[in-house]
Amino acid sequence: MEGFMTTIYNPILHGFHPDPCIIKVGSIYYVANSTFEWYPGVRIYKSSDLTHWELADSPLVYPDHLDLSSVPSSGGIWACDISFKNGRFFLTYTQVDQFERSPGSNQGFKDTINFVTTTDRIGGSWSPRVLLNSTGFDPSLFHDDDGTSYLLNMVWDYRSNQHNFGGIVIQEFNTENLHPIGQPRLIFSGTPIGYTEGPHVYKHHDWYYLVTAEGGTSFGHCVTVARSKTIFGPYELHPQTPFFSSVVDRNGFDQAKIQGKSVLKFCTDDLQKAGHASWAPISGDDWVMAFLCARPLPNTALCPLGRETALELLTWCEDWPWPHSRVPRSIIQLESEKSVRPTNYQWVEHFNIDRLDDNLQTLRVPIKTWGRLERPSWLRMMGGQSPVSPKRHVLARRISSHSWKAECTLIAHPTTFQHMAGLIVRYDEANQVGIFFSHDEQRQCDVVFVLSVDNKQILTGEPVDIPVRSAVRLQARCIDSIITFYWSVREADWEQVNPSFDFGLLSDDHAKPIGFTGSFIGITCCDLASTGFFADFDYLSYSEPVVKSTRSGSAISTAKPLF
């Protein structure tokens, strides 16, 4: 790559973009991210220079790809893997239908079904999914240079007298009929750090390299690397173990965790939770590593943006890869043809075409089940169940900065307090906040009010009367980690509606007993009376202050059909 040294600002994919898997096909890099309960499933980005990333595909769209209708919060599509062989892309992924959640230990049963689908072109049609197994999660494929392919995944052990993370297994895989061959073999039980998952295998100079995630996908997360002369092992650990992590003092971290003290002083200052890595070649002995990370709000251990995607550079030396830094960096230097410059980020969806903008996703089911374009530039959203129901109706996009503003305009005709529509900031069903337009039969007028759910504790703020029945504008602003809400009609000034809400409470770190997603901002409509209530939305907008990267998914349109 001939050019000049440019600055890449991590994370490269802002907001909820966990579990990145990176590959290089020809001159193009691809990164696939898991999406959990959000539809469509999986997001695939592409770049020719590791600097500018564009959303290229959202592959899991049809019923023969996924069924999220009954998955729990933080269930659904877990860590995916993308690979390439003989002109075909292979996508493996886990659909988590149920998991028993408990803090830290992750004990209990998990119903984790692993699938594979293929295509000959990113952005094209993907084949119906094929069942691989349900022995654990994080499936991946490795294609050896002799033509043989292998399937890997971690094994989940529900038994109380065993460690639940049962190690990494591998078996041969037939890429023609998409079925495993023979019995799986355990090749790696992990290190004392534990929680071994996210396996990927690479080959370099006749050595096989096993890359895994360990430590749990929180502040103790890390990357572990081991190598072997044969793919079935035995594997020897890298001299630098952990290979990569946000933890700078593992002993101090472990002791603080045991004592119930803050672990952050044993971690880097900026990018936390680094782990779940994958690799791709750049040129010669220079490779790149994609990994997940998280950015806490200032002076907190709360990461409401969720797990994001970042990069680090690798160099091979004496048959071992070495990261240029063993801890994540906010800035890396890379030779590139173009530079990335700070820019204001402003986005708006006017619903004026029959396709959904790349940035938007729905909860569990496609929008066609409850939405339609009733008139030009207006989306009609039929009322769903309550805000805490998995069957609620939400259309939303990722929040990708600690400071942001979002706005919508809606027209609705509520006749009861059980009719409500508005602007919602959602982490999951148990943790969310929003401003709603509704009706108060005691006041005999329409109202707006703030509703919050904090680990299932529901609070409704004092309603504010709407003097005239008209199109209502609703707005949310997040400044200094505090979300405040506003309303207006016509061109009147914005009026604040209390209470405000702490953005940090919408995070993996606050969710109980555990969570894996990130905050979204969007529109919603609820019909608790089941009387056919609906709301028409004119637009949804979102903006941020100056940021240091081109925004994911904003450069090209690969939108899926809306109806």
Protein backbone atom coordinates (compact mmCIF):
# COMPACT_ATOMS: atom_id res chain seq x y z
CA MET A 1 0.00 0.00 0.00
CA GLU A 2 1.67 3.16 -1.17
CA GLY A 3 0.57 6.37 0.46
CA PHE A 4 1.26 8.35 3.59
CA MET A 5 1.03 7.60 7.26
CA THR A 6 -2.46 8.32 8.46
CA THR A 7 -4.07 8.22 11.85
CA ILE A 8 -6.73 5.61 12.61
CA TYR A 9 -8.87 6.43 15.60
CA ASN A 10 -10.13 3.47 17.60
CA PRO A 11 -12.75 2.24 17.74
CA ILE A 12 -13.19 2.00 13.97
CA LEU A 13 -16.85 0.93 14.33
CA HIS A 14 -18.57 3.02 16.97
CA GLY A 15 -21.43 1.85 19.16
CA PHE A 16 -22.71 -1.70 19.44
CA HIS A 17 -20.35 -3.70 17.17
CA PRO A 18 -19.16 -6.67 19.25
CA ASP A 19 -17.27 -9.87 18.43
CA PRO A 20 -15.50 -8.72 15.23
CA CYS A 21 -14.24 -11.29 12.77
CA ILE A 22 -11.89 -9.87 10.12
CA ILE A 23 -10.76 -11.47 6.86
CA LYS A 24 -9.05 -10.27 3.69
CA VAL A 25 -10.22 -11.40 0.25
CA GLY A 26 -8.13 -9.99 -2.58
CA SER A 27 -7.55 -6.36 -1.64
CA ILE A 28 -10.72 -5.99 0.44
CA TYR A 29 -11.03 -6.42 4.21
CA TYR A 30 -14.32 -7.56 5.73
CA VAL A 31 -15.43 -7.38 9.37
CA ALA A 32 -18.50 -9.27 10.60
CA ASN A 33 -20.21 -8.34 13.88
CA SER A 34 -22.86 -10.12 15.92
CA THR A 35 -26.24 -8.44 16.50
CA PHE A 36 -27.96 -10.41 19.33
CA GLU A 37 -31.75 -9.71 19.36
CA TRP A 38 -31.62 -7.01 16.69
CA TYR A 39 -32.88 -7.72 13.16
CA PRO A 40 -31.49 -8.24 10.51
CA GLY A 41 -28.84 -10.58 11.91
CA VAL A 42 -25.07 -9.91 11.56
CA ARG A 43 -23.51 -6.81 10.01
CA ILE A 44 -20.63 -7.10 7.54
CA TYR A 45 -18.42 -4.07 6.81
CA LYS A 46 -15.80 -3.68 4.10
CA SER A 47 -12.71 -1.53 3.58
CA SER A 48 -9.86 -1.35 1.10
CA ASP A 49 -7.50 0.48 3.47
CA LEU A 50 -8.51 -0.43 7.06
CA THR A 51 -9.40 3.22 7.52
CA HIS A 52 -12.71 3.86 5.77
CA TRP A 53 -15.42 1.29 6.53
CA GLU A 54 -18.77 0.84 4.81
CA LEU A 55 -21.66 -1.44 5.69
CA ALA A 56 -21.68 -4.03 2.92
CA ASP A 57 -24.28 -6.57 4.04
CA SER A 58 -26.80 -7.61 6.67
CA PRO A 59 -26.99 -11.26 5.65
CA LEU A 60 -29.47 -12.90 8.04
CA VAL A 61 -32.81 -11.67 6.77
CA TYR A 62 -35.17 -14.51 5.92
CA PRO A 63 -36.88 -17.17 8.09
CA ASP A 64 -34.47 -19.81 6.77
CA HIS A 65 -31.60 -17.75 8.27
CA LEU A 66 -32.90 -16.95 11.76
CA ASP A 67 -35.90 -16.84 14.08
CA LEU A 68 -35.51 -14.22 16.81
CA SER A 69 -39.19 -13.96 17.75
CA SER A 70 -38.75 -15.65 21.13
CA VAL A 71 -35.12 -14.97 22.03
CA PRO A 72 -34.37 -13.23 25.34
CA SER A 73 -32.59 -9.91 25.72
CA SER A 74 -28.89 -10.46 24.94
CA GLY A 75 -29.82 -13.75 23.24
CA GLY A 76 -30.19 -14.20 19.50
CA ILE A 77 -27.18 -14.00 17.18
CA TRP A 78 -23.92 -14.41 19.07
CA ALA A 79 -20.35 -14.25 17.81
CA CYS A 80 -20.12 -14.99 14.10
CA ASP A 81 -17.19 -16.00 11.89
CA ILE A 82 -16.66 -15.15 8.24
CA SER A 83 -14.25 -17.09 6.02
CA PHE A 84 -13.56 -17.59 2.31
CA LYS A 85 -12.69 -20.65 0.22
CA ASN A 86 -12.82 -21.36 -3.52
CA GLY A 87 -14.94 -18.33 -4.37
CA ARG A 88 -17.45 -18.79 -1.51
CA PHE A 89 -17.93 -16.86 1.69
CA PHE A 90 -18.90 -18.93 4.74
CA LEU A 91 -20.70 -17.36 7.69
CA THR A 92 -21.02 -19.37 10.90
CA TYR A 93 -23.01 -18.06 13.85
CA THR A 94 -24.84 -19.05 17.01
CA GLN A 95 -28.54 -18.47 17.65
CA VAL A 96 -29.05 -18.40 21.43
CA ASP A 97 -32.64 -19.31 22.19
CA GLN A 98 -32.23 -19.37 25.95
CA PHE A 99 -29.54 -18.97 28.56
CA GLU A 100 -29.73 -19.06 32.32
CA ARG A 101 -28.20 -15.78 33.45
CA SER A 102 -26.35 -15.30 36.68
CA PRO A 103 -23.79 -12.64 37.54
CA GLY A 104 -20.21 -13.45 36.73
CA SER A 105 -20.33 -17.23 36.83
CA ASN A 106 -22.61 -17.65 33.78
CA GLN A 107 -23.74 -20.98 35.22
CA GLY A 108 -26.75 -22.92 33.98
CA PHE A 109 -28.12 -24.14 30.70
CA LYS A 110 -27.67 -22.49 27.33
CA ASP A 111 -29.61 -23.46 24.23
CA THR A 112 -27.04 -22.48 21.60
CA ILE A 113 -27.60 -23.66 18.05
CA ASN A 114 -24.76 -23.21 15.57
CA PHE A 115 -25.42 -22.68 11.87
CA VAL A 116 -23.60 -21.96 8.60
CA THR A 117 -24.73 -20.09 5.49
CA THR A 118 -22.82 -19.25 2.31
CA THR A 119 -22.75 -16.80 -0.59
CA ASP A 120 -20.56 -16.13 -3.60
CA ARG A 121 -20.83 -12.36 -3.14
CA ILE A 122 -21.04 -10.07 -0.10
CA GLY A 123 -24.27 -8.15 -0.60
CA GLY A 124 -25.78 -11.03 -2.53
CA SER A 125 -28.17 -13.80 -1.56
CA TRP A 126 -27.17 -16.12 1.29
CA SER A 127 -28.08 -19.81 1.27
CA PRO A 128 -30.54 -21.30 3.77
CA ARG A 129 -28.81 -22.01 7.05
CA VAL A 130 -27.51 -25.51 7.82
CA LEU A 131 -27.36 -26.86 11.36
CA LEU A 132 -23.83 -27.57 12.61
CA ASN A 133 -24.27 -28.55 16.26
CA SER A 134 -25.49 -27.16 19.58
CA THR A 135 -22.61 -28.15 21.85
CA GLY A 136 -21.56 -24.60 22.65
CA PHE A 137 -21.13 -21.30 20.87
CA ASP A 138 -18.70 -19.17 18.82
CA PRO A 139 -18.34 -21.51 15.81
CA SER A 140 -15.64 -20.73 13.24
CA LEU A 141 -14.14 -22.36 10.15
CA PHE A 142 -10.49 -22.82 9.21
CA HIS A 143 -9.56 -23.70 5.63
CA ASP A 144 -6.14 -25.36 5.44
CA ASP A 145 -3.84 -24.99 2.44
CA ASP A 146 -4.23 -28.71 1.61
CA GLY A 147 -7.94 -28.17 0.93
CA THR A 148 -9.21 -29.58 4.22
CA SER A 149 -11.57 -27.45 6.30
CA TYR A 150 -12.27 -27.61 10.02
CA LEU A 151 -15.06 -26.48 12.36
CA LEU A 152 -14.21 -25.13 15.81
CA ASN A 153 -16.37 -23.98 18.71
CA MET A 154 -16.23 -23.72 22.48
CA VAL A 155 -18.07 -26.37 24.52
CA TRP A 156 -20.63 -25.33 27.13
CA ASP A 157 -20.83 -27.54 30.23
CA TYR A 158 -23.92 -26.96 32.37
CA ARG A 159 -22.80 -29.23 35.24
CA SER A 160 -22.24 -27.54 38.60
CA ASN A 161 -19.12 -29.59 39.35
CA GLN A 162 -17.42 -28.57 36.08
CA HIS A 163 -16.17 -25.32 34.66
CA ASN A 164 -18.88 -24.15 32.30
CA PHE A 165 -16.39 -23.12 29.63
CA GLY A 166 -15.32 -26.62 28.63
CA GLY A 167 -12.59 -25.78 26.13
CA ILE A 168 -12.18 -25.58 22.35
CA VAL A 169 -13.09 -28.52 20.10
CA ILE A 170 -12.36 -29.10 16.41
CA GLN A 171 -13.50 -31.51 13.73
CA GLU A 172 -13.18 -31.82 9.98
CA PHE A 173 -15.81 -30.01 7.92
CA ASN A 174 -17.21 -30.75 4.46
CA THR A 175 -17.58 -27.44 2.61
CA GLU A 176 -19.72 -29.05 -0.11
CA ASN A 177 -22.61 -30.40 1.99
CA LEU A 178 -21.81 -28.09 4.93
CA HIS A 179 -21.70 -30.89 7.50
CA PRO A 180 -19.08 -31.80 10.11
CA ILE A 181 -17.14 -35.02 9.63
CA GLY A 182 -16.33 -37.42 12.45
CA GLN A 183 -16.24 -36.59 16.14
CA PRO A 184 -15.00 -33.32 17.70
CA ARG A 185 -11.65 -33.39 19.48
CA LEU A 186 -10.70 -31.20 22.43
CA ILE A 187 -7.56 -29.23 21.48
CA PHE A 188 -7.36 -26.49 24.11
CA SER A 189 -8.70 -26.23 27.65
CA GLY A 190 -7.58 -22.65 28.14
CA THR A 191 -5.32 -20.95 30.66
CA PRO A 192 -5.98 -20.28 34.36
CA ILE A 193 -7.63 -17.00 33.28
CA GLY A 194 -10.57 -19.12 32.17
CA TYR A 195 -13.76 -18.45 30.21
CA THR A 196 -12.12 -19.70 27.01
CA GLU A 197 -14.20 -18.92 23.90
CA GLY A 198 -14.13 -17.23 20.47
CA PRO A 199 -11.69 -19.62 18.72
CA HIS A 200 -9.99 -18.86 15.39
CA VAL A 201 -7.17 -20.83 13.73
CA TYR A 202 -4.56 -19.37 11.37
CA LYS A 203 -1.59 -20.94 9.57
CA HIS A 204 1.77 -19.21 9.09
CA HIS A 205 5.06 -20.85 8.05
CA ASP A 206 3.78 -24.38 8.75
CA TRP A 207 2.59 -23.48 12.26
CA TYR A 208 -1.07 -23.49 13.35
CA TYR A 209 -2.05 -20.59 15.61
CA LEU A 210 -5.09 -20.80 17.88
CA VAL A 211 -6.52 -17.44 18.95
CA THR A 212 -9.08 -17.42 21.76
CA ALA A 213 -10.85 -14.96 24.02
CA GLU A 214 -10.52 -15.41 27.77
CA GLY A 215 -11.40 -13.68 31.01
CA GLY A 216 -15.08 -13.05 30.22
CA THR A 217 -16.27 -10.22 28.02
CA SER A 218 -15.89 -7.51 30.63
CA PHE A 219 -12.97 -5.59 32.14
CA GLY A 220 -10.82 -8.74 32.53
CA HIS A 221 -11.22 -9.71 28.88
CA CYS A 222 -8.10 -10.70 26.93
CA VAL A 223 -6.67 -12.44 23.85
CA THR A 224 -4.75 -15.70 24.23
CA VAL A 225 -2.54 -17.18 21.48
CA ALA A 226 -1.08 -20.68 21.22
CA ARG A 227 0.64 -22.62 18.41
CA SER A 228 1.19 -26.18 17.25
CA LYS A 229 2.83 -28.01 14.37
CA THR A 230 -0.39 -30.02 13.90
CA ILE A 231 -3.90 -28.66 13.94
CA PHE A 232 -4.99 -31.13 16.64
CA GLY A 233 -2.24 -30.00 19.01
CA PRO A 234 -0.70 -30.03 21.48
CA TYR A 235 -0.63 -26.21 21.60
CA GLU A 236 2.05 -24.18 23.36
CA LEU A 237 1.21 -20.76 24.76
CA HIS A 238 2.65 -17.54 23.37
CA PRO A 239 5.54 -16.14 25.46
CA GLN A 240 3.32 -13.09 26.04
CA THR A 241 0.25 -14.48 27.78
CA PRO A 242 -2.18 -12.79 27.82
CA PHE A 243 -1.28 -11.79 24.29
CA PHE A 244 -3.40 -8.61 24.42
CA SER A 245 -5.65 -7.03 27.04
CA SER A 246 -6.83 -3.78 28.62
CA VAL A 247 -5.51 -5.14 31.93
CA VAL A 248 -1.99 -3.83 32.62
CA ASP A 249 -1.59 -5.60 35.99
CA ARG A 250 -3.28 -9.02 35.95
CA ASN A 251 -2.31 -9.96 39.51
CA GLY A 252 -3.57 -6.65 40.90
CA PHE A 253 -6.73 -6.97 38.82
CA ASP A 254 -7.45 -10.49 40.09
CA GLN A 255 -6.88 -9.53 43.71
CA ALA A 256 -9.11 -6.46 43.44
CA LYS A 257 -11.85 -8.57 41.86
CA ILE A 258 -11.65 -11.17 44.64
CA GLN A 259 -11.83 -8.42 47.27
CA GLY A 260 -14.76 -6.71 45.55
CA LYS A 261 -12.76 -3.55 44.88
CA SER A 262 -12.54 -1.42 41.75
CA VAL A 263 -10.43 -3.04 39.04
CA LEU A 264 -10.12 0.01 36.80
CA LYS A 265 -6.83 1.22 38.27
CA PHE A 266 -5.28 -1.98 36.93
CA CYS A 267 -6.54 -1.26 33.39
CA THR A 268 -5.76 1.21 30.62
CA ASP A 269 -7.34 4.64 30.80
CA ASP A 270 -9.39 4.63 27.60
CA LEU A 271 -10.33 1.45 25.73
CA GLN A 272 -11.53 -1.24 28.12
CA LYS A 273 -12.59 -4.91 27.81
CA ALA A 274 -10.23 -5.63 24.88
CA GLY A 275 -10.55 -9.18 23.60
CA HIS A 276 -12.29 -11.54 21.16
CA ALA A 277 -9.72 -11.02 18.43
CA SER A 278 -9.26 -12.17 14.85
CA TRP A 279 -6.47 -11.58 12.33
CA ALA A 280 -5.92 -10.80 8.66
CA PRO A 281 -2.74 -10.25 6.60
CA ILE A 282 -1.77 -6.81 5.34
CA SER A 283 1.50 -7.50 3.55
CA GLY A 284 4.34 -9.90 4.28
CA ASP A 285 4.90 -10.17 8.03
CA ASP A 286 2.56 -7.25 8.76
CA TRP A 287 -0.93 -8.31 9.85
CA VAL A 288 -3.88 -6.60 11.51
CA MET A 289 -5.95 -7.68 14.52
CA ALA A 290 -9.59 -6.74 15.02
CA PHE A 291 -10.87 -6.90 18.58
CA LEU A 292 -13.76 -5.68 20.68
CA CYS A 293 -13.43 -2.93 23.26
CA ALA A 294 -15.58 -0.54 25.27
CA ARG A 295 -15.37 3.12 26.26
CA PRO A 296 -16.57 3.95 29.79
CA LEU A 297 -18.23 7.24 30.56
CA PRO A 298 -15.78 9.61 32.26
CA ASN A 299 -14.92 8.62 35.84
CA THR A 300 -17.16 5.53 35.74
CA ALA A 301 -17.07 1.82 34.95
CA LEU A 302 -20.20 2.14 32.79
CA CYS A 303 -20.05 1.59 29.01
CA PRO A 304 -23.49 2.42 27.54
CA LEU A 305 -22.27 2.32 23.92
CA GLY A 306 -21.69 -1.40 24.28
CA ARG A 307 -18.76 -3.32 22.86
CA GLU A 308 -17.19 -1.73 19.80
CA THR A 309 -14.67 -2.78 17.13
CA ALA A 310 -11.05 -1.62 17.13
CA LEU A 311 -7.77 -2.51 15.40
CA GLU A 312 -4.17 -3.21 16.37
CA LEU A 313 -1.20 -4.02 14.14
CA LEU A 314 0.77 -7.30 14.35
CA THR A 315 4.25 -8.24 13.12
CA TRP A 316 5.62 -11.79 12.81
CA CYS A 317 9.01 -12.51 14.34
CA GLU A 318 10.57 -15.97 14.85
CA ASP A 319 7.28 -17.73 14.13
CA TRP A 320 5.29 -15.74 16.68
CA PRO A 321 2.99 -12.78 16.05
CA TRP A 322 3.58 -9.72 18.21
CA PRO A 323 1.13 -6.84 18.69
CA HIS A 324 2.67 -3.39 18.29
CA SER A 325 1.16 -2.68 21.71
CA ARG A 326 -0.01 -5.28 24.22
CA VAL A 327 -2.79 -2.92 25.36
CA PRO A 328 -5.38 -1.21 23.14
CA ARG A 329 -4.56 2.20 21.72
CA SER A 330 -6.94 5.00 20.76
CA ILE A 331 -4.65 6.01 17.89
CA ILE A 332 -2.61 3.86 15.53
CA GLN A 333 -0.57 4.87 12.50
CA LEU A 334 -1.05 3.07 9.20
CA GLU A 335 0.06 3.71 5.65
CA SER A 336 -3.04 4.65 3.68
CA GLU A 337 -4.09 6.42 0.53
CA LYS A 338 -6.50 8.68 2.40
CA SER A 339 -6.67 10.23 5.81
CA VAL A 340 -9.54 10.26 8.27
CA ARG A 341 -10.48 13.73 9.43
CA PRO A 342 -12.78 14.81 12.26
CA THR A 343 -16.30 15.53 11.12
CA ASN A 344 -19.68 16.36 12.54
CA TYR A 345 -22.01 13.42 12.26
CA GLN A 346 -25.61 14.12 11.32
CA TRP A 347 -28.10 11.51 10.18
CA VAL A 348 -31.81 11.55 9.37
CA GLU A 349 -34.33 9.02 8.08
CA HIS A 350 -37.34 10.58 6.29
CA PHE A 351 -39.11 7.31 5.41
CA ASN A 352 -39.52 8.57 1.86
CA ILE A 353 -38.46 5.36 0.09
CA ASP A 354 -39.49 1.76 0.50
CA ARG A 355 -36.15 0.70 1.91
CA LEU A 356 -34.78 0.82 5.42
CA ASP A 357 -31.65 2.93 6.02
CA ASP A 358 -28.51 0.91 6.77
CA ASN A 359 -28.28 2.24 10.31
CA LEU A 360 -31.75 1.12 11.37
CA GLN A 361 -32.71 -2.20 12.92
CA THR A 362 -35.81 -3.67 14.52
CA LEU A 363 -36.28 -5.86 17.56
CA ARG A 364 -36.50 -9.59 16.79
CA VAL A 365 -38.87 -9.40 13.80
CA PRO A 366 -38.83 -7.51 10.47
CA ILE A 367 -40.58 -4.16 10.26
CA LYS A 368 -43.08 -5.48 7.71
CA THR A 369 -44.87 -7.32 10.54
CA TRP A 370 -46.04 -4.04 12.09
CA GLY A 371 -45.08 -1.07 9.88
CA ARG A 372 -45.99 0.35 6.49
CA LEU A 373 -45.72 3.53 4.46
CA GLU A 374 -49.24 4.89 4.69
CA ARG A 375 -48.42 8.15 2.93
CA PRO A 376 -45.25 9.65 1.40
CA SER A 377 -42.49 10.33 3.94
CA TRP A 378 -44.45 8.94 6.89
CA LEU A 379 -43.97 5.58 8.57
CA ARG A 380 -47.09 4.10 10.16
CA MET A 381 -46.20 2.01 13.20
CA MET A 382 -48.93 -0.20 14.60
CA GLY A 383 -49.01 -0.41 18.37
CA GLY A 384 -47.32 -3.40 19.95
CA GLN A 385 -47.12 -4.70 23.48
CA SER A 386 -45.72 -2.78 26.45
CA PRO A 387 -42.19 -1.33 26.58
CA VAL A 388 -41.02 -4.26 28.76
CA SER A 389 -42.39 -6.94 26.43
CA PRO A 390 -40.17 -8.79 23.93
CA LYS A 391 -43.07 -8.27 21.49
CA ARG A 392 -42.89 -4.50 21.56
CA HIS A 393 -42.40 -2.58 18.30
CA VAL A 394 -39.16 -0.62 17.97
CA LEU A 395 -37.24 0.85 15.04
CA ALA A 396 -33.87 2.14 16.21
CA ARG A 397 -30.21 2.82 15.47
CA ARG A 398 -27.02 2.51 17.47
CA ILE A 399 -25.90 5.32 19.75
CA SER A 400 -22.24 5.79 18.91
CA SER A 401 -21.02 8.67 21.09
CA HIS A 402 -21.24 9.72 24.72
CA SER A 403 -22.80 13.03 23.61
CA TRP A 404 -25.68 13.02 21.13
CA LYS A 405 -29.09 14.38 20.20
CA ALA A 406 -32.08 12.58 18.63
CA GLU A 407 -35.45 13.83 17.46
CA CYS A 408 -38.67 12.64 15.85
CA THR A 409 -42.03 14.04 14.80
CA LEU A 410 -45.20 11.99 15.12
CA ILE A 411 -48.94 12.23 14.65
CA ALA A 412 -51.19 9.98 16.70
CA HIS A 413 -54.69 10.01 18.20
CA PRO A 414 -54.55 8.28 21.57
CA THR A 415 -57.86 7.87 23.39
CA THR A 416 -56.56 6.22 26.57
CA PHE A 417 -53.45 6.16 28.72
CA GLN A 418 -52.87 2.68 27.27
CA HIS A 419 -52.07 4.26 23.89
CA MET A 420 -48.50 5.59 23.79
CA ALA A 421 -45.88 6.37 21.14
CA GLY A 422 -42.58 8.16 21.28
CA LEU A 423 -38.81 8.30 21.35
CA ILE A 424 -37.02 5.53 23.24
CA VAL A 425 -33.42 4.98 24.42
CA ARG A 426 -33.11 1.23 24.88
CA TYR A 427 -30.52 -1.14 26.29
CA ASP A 428 -32.93 -4.03 26.84
CA GLU A 429 -36.46 -4.61 28.11
CA ALA A 430 -35.32 -4.18 31.73
CA ASN A 431 -33.25 -1.01 31.12
CA GLN A 432 -34.58 1.84 29.00
CA VAL A 433 -35.92 5.38 29.08
CA GLY A 434 -38.11 7.38 26.73
CA ILE A 435 -40.52 10.24 26.17
CA PHE A 436 -44.05 9.22 25.21
CA PHE A 437 -47.08 10.91 23.70
CA SER A 438 -50.30 9.58 25.20
CA HIS A 439 -53.73 10.56 26.58
CA ASP A 440 -54.86 11.26 30.15
CA GLU A 441 -58.58 10.70 30.58
CA GLN A 442 -58.56 12.41 33.99
CA ARG A 443 -57.03 15.57 32.51
CA GLN A 444 -59.12 15.05 29.36
CA CYS A 445 -56.22 15.95 27.10
CA ASP A 446 -53.18 14.53 25.39
CA VAL A 447 -49.95 14.49 27.37
CA VAL A 448 -46.24 13.76 27.13
CA PHE A 449 -44.32 12.06 29.91
CA VAL A 450 -41.00 10.33 30.60
CA LEU A 451 -40.99 6.62 31.37
CA SER A 452 -37.90 4.86 32.69
CA VAL A 453 -37.14 1.23 33.47
CA ASP A 454 -34.10 0.62 35.68
CA ASN A 455 -33.44 -3.10 36.14
CA LYS A 456 -37.20 -3.73 35.86
CA GLN A 457 -38.14 -0.87 38.23
CA ILE A 458 -40.65 1.27 36.32
CA LEU A 459 -41.07 5.00 36.93
CA THR A 460 -43.40 7.38 35.10
CA GLY A 461 -42.75 11.11 35.34
CA GLU A 462 -45.31 13.85 35.81
CA PRO A 463 -47.29 14.29 32.56
CA VAL A 464 -47.26 17.58 30.69
CA ASP A 465 -50.46 18.72 28.96
CA ILE A 466 -50.41 19.18 25.19
CA PRO A 467 -52.66 22.20 24.51
CA VAL A 468 -53.57 21.37 20.91
CA ARG A 469 -53.86 18.17 18.92
CA SER A 470 -51.12 18.51 16.35
CA ALA A 471 -47.93 16.90 15.13
CA VAL A 472 -45.70 16.50 18.19
CA ARG A 473 -41.93 16.83 18.13
CA LEU A 474 -39.97 14.84 20.69
CA GLN A 475 -36.27 15.18 21.44
CA ALA A 476 -33.63 13.50 23.60
CA ARG A 477 -30.25 15.05 24.40
CA CYS A 478 -27.30 13.47 26.17
CA ILE A 479 -24.77 15.91 27.64
CA ASP A 480 -22.31 15.09 30.42
CA SER A 481 -23.76 11.56 30.67
CA ILE A 482 -27.27 12.84 31.44
CA ILE A 483 -30.23 12.24 29.09
CA THR A 484 -32.89 14.96 29.08
CA PHE A 485 -36.14 15.01 27.11
CA TYR A 486 -38.03 17.81 25.35
CA TRP A 487 -41.27 18.31 23.44
CA SER A 488 -42.71 20.89 21.08
CA VAL A 489 -45.63 21.40 18.71
CA ARG A 490 -45.37 23.15 15.37
CA GLU A 491 -42.43 25.59 15.54
CA ALA A 492 -42.70 26.39 19.22
CA ASP A 493 -39.66 26.39 21.50
CA TRP A 494 -38.54 23.17 23.09
CA GLU A 495 -39.85 22.52 26.63
CA GLN A 496 -38.08 20.11 28.97
CA VAL A 497 -39.93 17.14 30.49
CA ASN A 498 -38.62 15.66 33.75
CA PRO A 499 -37.04 13.53 35.04
CA SER A 500 -33.63 13.24 33.43
CA PHE A 501 -31.79 9.91 33.32
CA ASP A 502 -28.22 8.66 33.78
CA PHE A 503 -26.95 7.34 30.42
CA GLY A 504 -24.57 4.96 32.23
CA LEU A 505 -27.51 2.92 33.53
CA LEU A 506 -28.10 1.70 29.97
CA SER A 507 -25.05 -0.54 29.88
CA ASP A 508 -23.77 -4.11 30.19
CA ASP A 509 -22.20 -3.05 33.46
CA HIS A 510 -25.48 -1.98 35.08
CA ALA A 511 -27.81 -4.62 33.62
CA LYS A 512 -28.66 -7.43 36.02
CA PRO A 513 -27.84 -10.20 36.10
CA ILE A 514 -25.84 -9.76 32.89
CA GLY A 515 -26.09 -8.21 29.42
CA PHE A 516 -24.13 -8.10 26.17
CA THR A 517 -25.59 -5.42 23.91
CA GLY A 518 -25.48 -1.61 23.74
CA SER A 519 -27.73 1.46 23.67
CA PHE A 520 -30.03 2.22 20.74
CA ILE A 521 -32.17 5.31 20.06
CA GLY A 522 -35.39 4.96 18.12
CA ILE A 523 -39.15 5.20 17.81
CA THR A 524 -41.81 2.97 19.33
CA CYS A 525 -45.56 2.56 19.56
CA CYS A 526 -47.54 0.64 22.19
CA ASP A 527 -51.21 -0.37 22.17
CA LEU A 528 -51.85 -1.86 25.60
CA ALA A 529 -55.59 -1.94 24.91
CA SER A 530 -55.29 -3.86 21.60
CA THR A 531 -57.70 -1.45 19.89
CA GLY A 532 -55.71 -0.82 16.70
CA PHE A 533 -53.83 2.27 17.88
CA PHE A 534 -51.03 3.46 15.63
CA ALA A 535 -48.66 6.40 15.19
CA ASP A 536 -47.34 8.04 12.03
CA PHE A 537 -43.70 9.17 12.14
CA ASP A 538 -42.36 11.84 9.79
CA TYR A 539 -38.65 11.37 10.50
CA LEU A 540 -36.04 10.20 12.98
CA SER A 541 -32.80 12.20 13.29
CA TYR A 542 -29.58 11.67 15.21
CA SER A 543 -26.48 13.86 15.55
CA GLU A 544 -23.20 13.99 17.43
CA PRO A 545 -20.45 16.54 18.01
CA VAL A 546 -17.11 16.26 16.20
CA VAL A 547 -15.87 12.66 16.02
CA LYS A 548 -12.64 11.18 14.72
CA SER A 549 -13.79 8.65 12.16
CA THR A 550 -15.93 8.13 9.14
CA ARG A 551 -19.16 6.69 10.38
CA SER A 552 -20.08 3.08 9.85
CA GLY A 553 -22.82 2.38 7.36
CA SER A 554 -23.22 5.93 6.12
CA ALA A 555 -21.28 5.89 2.88
CA ILE A 556 -23.23 3.43 0.76
CA SER A 557 -26.70 1.97 0.72
CA THR A 558 -27.06 -1.77 1.09
CA ALA A 559 -30.47 -1.52 2.68
CA LYS A 560 -32.79 -4.50 2.81
CA PRO A 561 -36.39 -4.21 1.57
CA LEU A 562 -38.63 -2.48 4.09
CA PHE A 563 -41.85 -4.13 2.92
